[in-house]
């Protein structure tokens, strides 16, 4: 007798299932790669402590997603948040979602959640303690990411019902992560509760510094770029021409962004820069995320160029004297790339989306955007989506980190001595560099007094 689970499995398309399974495997490394990027951008004494939040994001988000996250994001519920029908993944097994098993769909969407979280918590690097991030991540996934994903992508979400176009996360991924990172950073500059009242904590602007480890940036760029191709291709949830097109426009947009930013830097300085190339690629990847399933190659090429110019201009703000006076700290340039780029990409999708491209999967029907299909209304919907996403993420994240800061022992700002010494020593007692530990300077592999047999 065939079980219900087996019957549901037989109803799934095996080619589509294998495709999304492979995409999931290739997407997962993007989460620790984000931490690797933050590690490279930090000082050498905070390199490991800047990496570990990405691992905390994987662990905490996976547990939260299993308990209630998937249900809140993709349950029926209201227009803002899902119900608890799938809490503890009850009934989430082999029944098809589209043409793949529900459990695989859940896992693929979990990687989105953890990736956004890893980008977002980078706002606390070099100043924020690690322990408070654990409750914050759980609360953030529950009250910020899941409702936003539900609004945009769920069948009952009010933004999705209005017809917003967000292929792979211009708002739930980039605006959300950029706004959250900015909220964390600003709270660390202006804490309201226990961190503010502490006599050994002095909220301050971090002195600007260059990335300390270019190899971390190299590895992060390689992994993130490759994983993003799998993200956008896999978002179709089936193997079709739209999957292929999404991958191709993603790569072209990233390439255009990388080359544009790198060439501008070379024009200004006469030097080639890995950092500029990396940031340009990220800018291109951010802009293409909401539109990868709706635009053609030529449009994606110009998206990459525009993204590099706009995000580079946004990045200049952190180098101003005004930014220093207001204690503006943009760790990993998250605001300039993810938040600003997410806004631009989301709005540009409303301008340049094409119903012809959206239909490459043989099923998607949209009204298109302003320039190619004359759908002016789409621009207003996209602007509303971006504003809702930013407000929800920034205000909500600021409230959540403030609540965590109220709890004794969970003060979010590190003490002055720890910030000065570096977060590796204070938060982890481990380091990427042996030279940090003076006790091992005279280490000998044979203990004192041991016998060596000849």
Protein backbone atom coordinates (compact mmCIF):
# COMPACT_ATOMS: atom_id res chain seq x y z
CA UNK A 1 0.00 0.00 0.00
CA UNK A 2 1.42 3.41 -1.01
CA UNK A 3 1.54 5.96 1.82
CA UNK A 4 0.14 9.46 1.49
CA UNK A 5 3.65 10.88 1.57
CA UNK A 6 4.72 8.58 -1.27
CA UNK A 7 1.67 9.52 -3.30
CA UNK A 8 2.48 13.21 -2.83
CA UNK A 9 6.08 12.54 -3.83
CA UNK A 10 4.98 10.84 -7.02
CA UNK A 11 2.97 13.94 -7.89
CA UNK A 12 6.11 16.12 -7.78
CA UNK A 13 8.15 16.79 -10.89
CA UNK A 14 11.50 15.06 -10.41
CA UNK A 15 13.40 17.33 -12.80
CA UNK A 16 12.17 20.47 -11.07
CA UNK A 17 12.86 18.92 -7.68
CA UNK A 18 16.43 18.03 -8.63
CA UNK A 19 16.95 21.51 -10.07
CA UNK A 20 15.80 23.34 -6.92
CA UNK A 21 17.69 20.86 -4.74
CA UNK A 22 20.93 21.64 -6.58
CA UNK A 23 20.20 25.39 -6.43
CA UNK A 24 19.67 25.11 -2.67
CA UNK A 25 23.03 23.43 -2.21
CA UNK A 26 24.77 26.12 -4.25
CA UNK A 27 22.88 28.92 -2.46
CA UNK A 28 23.73 27.87 1.08
CA UNK A 29 27.42 28.98 1.00
CA UNK A 30 26.32 32.57 0.47
CA UNK A 31 25.42 32.78 4.19
CA UNK A 32 28.91 32.15 5.62
CA UNK A 33 30.37 34.04 2.63
CA UNK A 34 28.58 37.18 3.84
CA UNK A 35 30.34 36.72 7.17
CA UNK A 36 33.60 36.19 5.34
CA UNK A 37 33.08 39.50 3.57
CA UNK A 38 32.40 41.31 6.86
CA UNK A 39 35.49 39.65 8.32
CA UNK A 40 37.63 41.04 5.51
CA UNK A 41 36.17 44.51 5.95
CA UNK A 42 36.77 44.62 9.71
CA UNK A 43 40.03 45.20 11.53
CA UNK A 44 42.34 42.21 12.06
CA UNK A 45 41.46 42.15 15.76
CA UNK A 46 37.76 41.73 15.03
CA UNK A 47 37.96 39.47 11.97
CA UNK A 48 36.60 36.30 13.56
CA UNK A 49 33.98 38.09 15.66
CA UNK A 50 32.71 39.72 12.44
CA UNK A 51 32.42 36.32 10.76
CA UNK A 52 30.63 34.35 13.47
CA UNK A 53 27.29 36.27 13.28
CA UNK A 54 26.69 34.62 9.89
CA UNK A 55 26.94 31.21 11.58
CA UNK A 56 24.61 32.38 14.35
CA UNK A 57 22.20 33.43 11.59
CA UNK A 58 22.22 29.94 10.10
CA UNK A 59 21.59 28.22 13.42
CA UNK A 60 19.02 30.61 14.87
CA UNK A 61 17.08 31.12 11.65
CA UNK A 62 16.96 27.38 10.94
CA UNK A 63 15.42 26.72 14.36
CA UNK A 64 13.02 29.64 14.11
CA UNK A 65 12.02 28.63 10.58
CA UNK A 66 11.25 25.08 11.74
CA UNK A 67 9.25 26.22 14.77
CA UNK A 68 7.13 29.06 13.39
CA UNK A 69 8.99 30.96 10.67
CA UNK A 70 7.84 29.04 7.61
CA UNK A 71 4.25 29.09 8.82
CA UNK A 72 4.30 32.83 9.52
CA UNK A 73 5.79 33.55 6.12
CA UNK A 74 3.82 31.16 3.94
CA UNK A 75 0.74 30.19 5.97
CA UNK A 76 -2.65 31.62 5.03
CA UNK A 77 -3.22 34.13 7.83
CA UNK A 78 -3.88 37.76 6.98
CA UNK A 79 -2.46 40.22 4.49
CA UNK A 80 0.42 40.99 6.86
CA UNK A 81 1.42 37.70 8.48
CA UNK A 82 0.65 34.01 8.12
CA UNK A 83 -1.04 31.72 10.63
CA UNK A 84 0.47 28.84 12.62
CA UNK A 85 -0.96 26.06 10.45
CA UNK A 86 2.53 24.80 9.61
CA UNK A 87 4.12 25.39 13.04
CA UNK A 88 6.78 22.75 13.78
CA UNK A 89 6.45 21.93 10.07
CA UNK A 90 3.28 19.95 10.63
CA UNK A 91 2.21 18.53 7.28
CA UNK A 92 5.18 20.03 5.45
CA UNK A 93 6.49 16.96 3.65
CA UNK A 94 6.15 15.83 0.04
CA UNK A 95 2.94 17.55 -1.03
CA UNK A 96 3.73 19.71 -4.06
CA UNK A 97 4.28 23.45 -3.84
CA UNK A 98 4.28 24.34 -7.49
CA UNK A 99 5.94 21.12 -8.71
CA UNK A 100 8.44 20.50 -5.87
CA UNK A 101 7.97 18.99 -2.38
CA UNK A 102 6.84 21.45 0.29
CA UNK A 103 9.79 20.57 2.52
CA UNK A 104 12.22 21.52 -0.26
CA UNK A 105 10.38 24.77 -0.88
CA UNK A 106 10.66 25.50 2.84
CA UNK A 107 14.40 24.78 2.84
CA UNK A 108 15.00 27.00 -0.18
CA UNK A 109 13.11 29.87 1.45
CA UNK A 110 14.97 29.32 4.74
CA UNK A 111 18.23 30.08 2.92
CA UNK A 112 16.74 33.42 1.89
CA UNK A 113 15.84 34.19 5.51
CA UNK A 114 19.28 33.27 6.86
CA UNK A 115 21.06 35.19 4.11
CA UNK A 116 19.10 38.36 4.82
CA UNK A 117 19.83 37.94 8.52
CA UNK A 118 23.56 37.46 7.94
CA UNK A 119 23.67 40.71 5.94
CA UNK A 120 21.56 42.55 8.50
CA UNK A 121 23.49 41.66 11.67
CA UNK A 122 26.66 42.95 10.04
CA UNK A 123 25.47 46.34 11.30
CA UNK A 124 26.78 45.39 14.73
CA UNK A 125 30.31 44.39 13.64
CA UNK A 126 33.27 45.79 15.61
CA UNK A 127 31.05 47.33 18.32
CA UNK A 128 28.20 44.94 19.13
CA UNK A 129 28.36 41.98 21.53
CA UNK A 130 27.59 38.54 20.14
CA UNK A 131 25.32 37.18 22.90
CA UNK A 132 22.48 39.69 22.37
CA UNK A 133 22.41 38.78 18.67
CA UNK A 134 20.89 35.37 19.45
CA UNK A 135 17.56 36.64 20.86
CA UNK A 136 17.60 39.50 18.37
CA UNK A 137 17.92 37.12 15.40
CA UNK A 138 15.00 35.00 16.63
CA UNK A 139 12.81 38.06 17.21
CA UNK A 140 13.89 39.67 13.94
CA UNK A 141 13.07 36.57 11.89
CA UNK A 142 9.67 36.35 13.60
CA UNK A 143 8.54 39.97 13.52
CA UNK A 144 10.48 41.53 10.65
CA UNK A 145 11.46 39.05 7.93
CA UNK A 146 8.54 36.60 8.07
CA UNK A 147 5.79 39.25 7.88
CA UNK A 148 7.64 41.08 5.08
CA UNK A 149 8.13 37.86 3.10
CA UNK A 150 4.43 37.09 3.64
CA UNK A 151 3.33 40.54 2.45
CA UNK A 152 5.34 40.28 -0.77
CA UNK A 153 5.42 36.58 -1.71
CA UNK A 154 2.54 34.79 0.00
CA UNK A 155 -0.73 34.16 -1.82
CA UNK A 156 -2.55 36.21 0.84
CA UNK A 157 0.06 38.98 1.33
CA UNK A 158 -1.34 42.44 0.69
CA UNK A 159 1.61 43.73 -1.36
CA UNK A 160 1.61 40.62 -3.51
CA UNK A 161 -2.16 40.90 -3.95
CA UNK A 162 -1.70 44.48 -5.15
CA UNK A 163 0.58 43.19 -7.90
CA UNK A 164 4.04 44.21 -6.69
CA UNK A 165 6.86 42.74 -8.78
CA UNK A 166 9.65 41.33 -6.66
CA UNK A 167 11.25 38.31 -8.26
CA UNK A 168 13.85 37.32 -5.64
CA UNK A 169 13.82 39.92 -2.91
CA UNK A 170 14.42 43.59 -3.65
CA UNK A 171 12.37 44.42 -0.55
CA UNK A 172 12.37 41.28 1.68
CA UNK A 173 16.09 40.74 1.02
CA UNK A 174 17.91 43.98 0.26
CA UNK A 175 15.82 46.82 1.65
CA UNK A 176 15.10 44.68 4.72
CA UNK A 177 18.75 43.76 5.37
CA UNK A 178 20.04 47.27 4.66
CA UNK A 179 17.43 48.94 6.84
CA UNK A 180 17.99 46.46 9.66
CA UNK A 181 21.78 46.88 9.56
CA UNK A 182 21.32 50.65 9.64
CA UNK A 183 18.97 50.40 12.63
CA UNK A 184 21.50 48.26 14.52
CA UNK A 185 24.35 50.61 13.70
CA UNK A 186 22.44 53.72 14.71
CA UNK A 187 21.31 52.12 17.95
CA UNK A 188 24.92 51.31 18.83
CA UNK A 189 25.77 54.97 18.19
CA UNK A 190 22.77 56.18 20.20
CA UNK A 191 21.66 53.43 22.63
CA UNK A 192 18.61 54.20 24.73
CA UNK A 193 18.66 51.73 27.60
CA UNK A 194 21.22 49.63 29.50
CA UNK A 195 24.08 50.25 27.08
CA UNK A 196 23.56 53.99 27.48
CA UNK A 197 23.48 53.85 31.27
CA UNK A 198 26.68 51.82 31.52
CA UNK A 199 29.70 53.75 32.82
CA UNK A 200 32.11 51.57 30.81
CA UNK A 201 30.43 52.03 27.44
CA UNK A 202 30.90 55.12 25.29
CA UNK A 203 28.80 55.22 22.10
CA UNK A 204 31.02 56.64 19.41
CA UNK A 205 31.83 56.78 15.73
CA UNK A 206 34.33 54.16 14.62
CA UNK A 207 37.40 55.54 12.89
CA UNK A 208 37.34 54.67 9.19
CA UNK A 209 39.80 52.01 8.08
CA UNK A 210 40.62 49.96 5.01
CA UNK A 211 39.63 46.26 4.75
CA UNK A 212 42.23 44.24 6.61
CA UNK A 213 42.13 41.02 4.59
CA UNK A 214 41.80 41.01 0.81
CA UNK A 215 41.74 37.20 0.65
CA UNK A 216 38.49 37.18 2.64
CA UNK A 217 37.05 39.61 0.11
CA UNK A 218 38.25 37.48 -2.82
CA UNK A 219 36.63 34.32 -1.44
CA UNK A 220 33.45 36.18 -0.45
CA UNK A 221 33.10 37.70 -3.92
CA UNK A 222 33.58 34.36 -5.67
CA UNK A 223 31.06 32.55 -3.45
CA UNK A 224 28.44 35.30 -3.31
CA UNK A 225 28.52 35.90 -7.07
CA UNK A 226 28.15 32.19 -7.84
CA UNK A 227 25.49 31.56 -5.19
CA UNK A 228 23.46 34.52 -6.42
CA UNK A 229 23.18 32.92 -9.83
CA UNK A 230 21.63 29.87 -8.16
CA UNK A 231 19.36 32.07 -6.05
CA UNK A 232 17.82 33.86 -9.00
CA UNK A 233 17.66 30.81 -11.24
CA UNK A 234 16.12 28.67 -8.51
CA UNK A 235 13.48 31.27 -7.65
CA UNK A 236 11.45 30.03 -10.62
CA UNK A 237 11.02 26.74 -8.63
CA UNK A 238 11.18 24.82 -11.91
CA UNK A 239 13.61 24.18 -14.73
CA UNK A 240 12.49 26.28 -17.68
CA UNK A 241 13.77 29.01 -19.97
CA UNK A 242 13.00 31.68 -17.39
CA UNK A 243 15.48 29.98 -15.03
CA UNK A 244 18.16 30.22 -17.69
CA UNK A 245 17.30 33.85 -18.44
CA UNK A 246 17.34 34.79 -14.75
CA UNK A 247 20.84 33.36 -14.38
CA UNK A 248 22.12 35.18 -17.47
CA UNK A 249 20.74 38.62 -16.60
CA UNK A 250 22.06 38.24 -13.05
CA UNK A 251 25.59 37.54 -14.23
CA UNK A 252 25.57 40.36 -16.79
CA UNK A 253 24.26 42.90 -14.31
CA UNK A 254 26.89 41.92 -11.72
CA UNK A 255 29.61 42.10 -14.36
CA UNK A 256 28.51 45.54 -15.56
CA UNK A 257 28.42 46.80 -11.97
CA UNK A 258 31.85 45.36 -11.12
CA UNK A 259 33.55 46.79 -14.20
CA UNK A 260 31.88 50.18 -13.87
CA UNK A 261 32.87 50.71 -10.23
CA UNK A 262 36.40 49.35 -10.82
CA UNK A 263 36.95 51.60 -13.83
CA UNK A 264 35.73 54.71 -12.01
CA UNK A 265 38.19 53.99 -9.21
CA UNK A 266 40.98 53.46 -11.72
CA UNK A 267 40.10 56.72 -13.46
CA UNK A 268 40.27 58.61 -10.16
CA UNK A 269 43.29 56.92 -8.59
CA UNK A 270 45.23 55.20 -11.38
CA UNK A 271 44.99 51.94 -9.41
CA UNK A 272 42.83 48.84 -9.73
CA UNK A 273 40.91 47.93 -6.59
CA UNK A 274 39.54 44.58 -5.46
CA UNK A 275 37.31 46.39 -3.00
CA UNK A 276 35.80 48.53 -5.77
CA UNK A 277 35.29 45.49 -8.00
CA UNK A 278 33.60 43.60 -5.16
CA UNK A 279 31.31 46.50 -4.29
CA UNK A 280 30.38 47.01 -7.94
CA UNK A 281 29.44 43.36 -8.30
CA UNK A 282 27.32 43.54 -5.15
CA UNK A 283 25.60 46.69 -6.44
CA UNK A 284 24.73 44.91 -9.67
CA UNK A 285 23.51 41.81 -7.87
CA UNK A 286 21.33 43.91 -5.59
CA UNK A 287 19.70 45.78 -8.45
CA UNK A 288 18.95 42.65 -10.46
CA UNK A 289 17.39 40.71 -7.57
CA UNK A 290 13.83 42.09 -7.80
CA UNK A 291 13.84 42.20 -11.61
CA UNK A 292 15.71 39.06 -12.71
CA UNK A 293 12.54 37.39 -13.92
CA UNK A 294 11.14 40.46 -15.65
CA UNK A 295 13.87 42.15 -17.75
CA UNK A 296 16.04 41.28 -20.74
CA UNK A 297 19.83 41.23 -21.11
CA UNK A 298 20.19 44.76 -22.48
CA UNK A 299 18.21 46.24 -19.62
CA UNK A 300 20.19 44.24 -17.06
CA UNK A 301 23.44 45.59 -18.51
CA UNK A 302 22.34 49.18 -17.92
CA UNK A 303 20.96 48.22 -14.49
CA UNK A 304 24.49 47.16 -13.52
CA UNK A 305 26.04 50.42 -14.70
CA UNK A 306 23.39 52.54 -12.98
CA UNK A 307 23.67 50.50 -9.79
CA UNK A 308 27.41 51.05 -9.58
CA UNK A 309 27.11 54.82 -10.08
CA UNK A 310 24.23 55.27 -7.62
CA UNK A 311 25.56 53.01 -4.86
CA UNK A 312 29.04 54.52 -5.20
CA UNK A 313 27.61 57.98 -4.67
CA UNK A 314 25.65 56.75 -1.66
CA UNK A 315 28.84 55.29 -0.23
CA UNK A 316 30.57 58.68 -0.29
CA UNK A 317 28.37 59.87 2.58
CA UNK A 318 30.25 57.80 5.17
CA UNK A 319 33.45 59.72 4.40
CA UNK A 320 31.95 63.13 5.15
CA UNK A 321 32.59 65.13 8.29
CA UNK A 322 28.84 65.23 8.85
CA UNK A 323 28.73 61.42 8.97
CA UNK A 324 31.49 61.44 11.57
CA UNK A 325 29.65 64.01 13.70
CA UNK A 326 26.43 61.99 13.71
CA UNK A 327 28.37 58.76 14.43
CA UNK A 328 27.32 57.15 11.14
CA UNK A 329 28.88 53.69 10.83
CA UNK A 330 28.03 51.69 7.71
CA UNK A 331 29.69 48.31 8.31
CA UNK A 332 30.39 46.54 5.04
CA UNK A 333 28.72 49.48 3.24
CA UNK A 334 25.39 47.74 3.75
CA UNK A 335 23.27 50.87 3.62
CA UNK A 336 24.92 52.17 0.46
CA UNK A 337 24.59 48.90 -1.45
CA UNK A 338 21.71 46.85 -0.08
CA UNK A 339 19.36 49.56 1.15
CA UNK A 340 19.91 52.20 -1.53
CA UNK A 341 20.41 49.56 -4.23
CA UNK A 342 17.30 47.71 -3.07
CA UNK A 343 15.23 50.89 -3.35
CA UNK A 344 16.55 51.65 -6.83
CA UNK A 345 16.13 48.07 -8.03
CA UNK A 346 12.58 47.76 -6.71
CA UNK A 347 11.47 51.02 -8.33
CA UNK A 348 13.36 50.32 -11.56
CA UNK A 349 11.51 47.01 -11.83
CA UNK A 350 8.28 48.96 -12.06
CA UNK A 351 9.77 51.05 -14.84
CA UNK A 352 11.39 48.36 -16.99
CA UNK A 353 9.54 45.07 -16.33
CA UNK A 354 8.31 43.34 -19.50
CA UNK A 355 5.31 41.02 -19.64
CA UNK A 356 7.00 39.17 -22.49
CA UNK A 357 10.01 38.23 -20.35
CA UNK A 358 7.88 37.33 -17.33
CA UNK A 359 6.04 34.79 -19.49
CA UNK A 360 9.23 32.87 -20.37
CA UNK A 361 8.18 30.20 -17.87
CA UNK A 362 4.93 29.67 -19.75
CA UNK A 363 2.80 30.56 -16.73
CA UNK A 364 3.51 34.03 -15.28
CA UNK A 365 1.21 36.82 -16.41
CA UNK A 366 1.92 40.43 -15.41
CA UNK A 367 0.87 43.82 -16.72
CA UNK A 368 4.48 44.89 -17.22
CA UNK A 369 6.11 48.18 -16.33
CA UNK A 370 5.99 51.78 -17.47
CA UNK A 371 8.37 51.98 -20.43
CA UNK A 372 7.76 48.74 -22.32
CA UNK A 373 4.11 48.04 -21.55
CA UNK A 374 2.72 51.45 -20.53
CA UNK A 375 1.63 50.28 -17.08
CA UNK A 376 2.15 53.48 -15.08
CA UNK A 377 0.30 52.10 -12.07
CA UNK A 378 3.11 49.61 -11.49
CA UNK A 379 5.51 52.37 -10.52
CA UNK A 380 3.26 53.47 -7.66
CA UNK A 381 2.94 49.90 -6.42
CA UNK A 382 6.71 49.45 -6.43
CA UNK A 383 7.29 52.69 -4.53
CA UNK A 384 4.72 51.65 -1.93
CA UNK A 385 6.41 48.26 -1.56
CA UNK A 386 9.82 49.87 -1.01
CA UNK A 387 8.50 52.36 1.54
CA UNK A 388 6.59 49.70 3.48
CA UNK A 389 9.65 47.42 3.46
CA UNK A 390 12.03 50.10 4.71
CA UNK A 391 9.71 51.43 7.40
CA UNK A 392 8.78 47.97 8.66
CA UNK A 393 12.40 46.81 8.77
CA UNK A 394 14.05 49.94 10.17
CA UNK A 395 11.51 50.86 12.83
CA UNK A 396 10.83 47.26 13.84
CA UNK A 397 14.52 46.34 14.07
CA UNK A 398 15.31 49.44 16.12
CA UNK A 399 12.54 48.53 18.58
CA UNK A 400 13.70 44.92 18.82
CA UNK A 401 17.36 45.74 19.49
CA UNK A 402 16.24 48.30 22.08
CA UNK A 403 14.12 45.66 23.83
CA UNK A 404 17.03 43.24 23.91
CA UNK A 405 19.22 46.00 25.35
CA UNK A 406 16.77 46.35 28.25
CA UNK A 407 17.56 42.84 29.52
CA UNK A 408 20.32 42.61 32.17
CA UNK A 409 23.34 40.84 30.76
CA UNK A 410 22.28 41.45 27.15
CA UNK A 411 23.68 44.95 26.75
CA UNK A 412 24.23 45.23 23.01
CA UNK A 413 27.15 47.69 22.97
CA UNK A 414 30.55 46.29 23.96
CA UNK A 415 32.55 48.02 26.68
CA UNK A 416 35.19 50.51 25.59
CA UNK A 417 38.16 48.28 26.47
CA UNK A 418 36.76 45.46 24.34
CA UNK A 419 36.22 47.69 21.32
CA UNK A 420 39.75 49.06 21.64
CA UNK A 421 41.34 45.63 22.11
CA UNK A 422 39.29 44.07 19.33
CA UNK A 423 36.17 41.93 19.49
CA UNK A 424 37.98 38.63 18.85
CA UNK A 425 39.67 38.62 22.25
CA UNK A 426 36.65 39.84 24.23
CA UNK A 427 33.85 37.93 22.50
CA UNK A 428 35.51 34.70 21.40
CA UNK A 429 38.97 34.21 22.98
CA UNK A 430 39.94 32.99 19.52
CA UNK A 431 41.55 34.71 16.59
CA UNK A 432 42.36 34.33 12.91
CA UNK A 433 45.91 35.35 13.77
CA UNK A 434 48.14 33.48 16.23
CA UNK A 435 50.20 36.60 16.92
CA UNK A 436 47.34 37.91 19.03
CA UNK A 437 48.03 35.37 21.76
CA UNK A 438 51.22 36.25 23.63
CA UNK A 439 51.02 33.05 25.70
CA UNK A 440 51.87 31.00 22.61
CA UNK A 441 54.89 33.06 21.56
CA UNK A 442 57.31 30.60 23.15
CA UNK A 443 55.25 27.47 22.51
CA UNK A 444 57.24 24.25 22.08
CA UNK A 445 55.65 21.03 20.77
CA UNK A 446 57.22 18.96 23.55
CA UNK A 447 56.13 19.75 27.06
CA UNK A 448 58.79 20.78 29.55
CA UNK A 449 60.41 17.72 31.12
CA UNK A 450 59.04 15.23 28.60
CA UNK A 451 61.29 12.39 27.46
CA UNK A 452 62.32 11.92 23.83
CA UNK A 453 63.13 8.29 23.01
CA UNK A 454 65.92 7.71 20.55
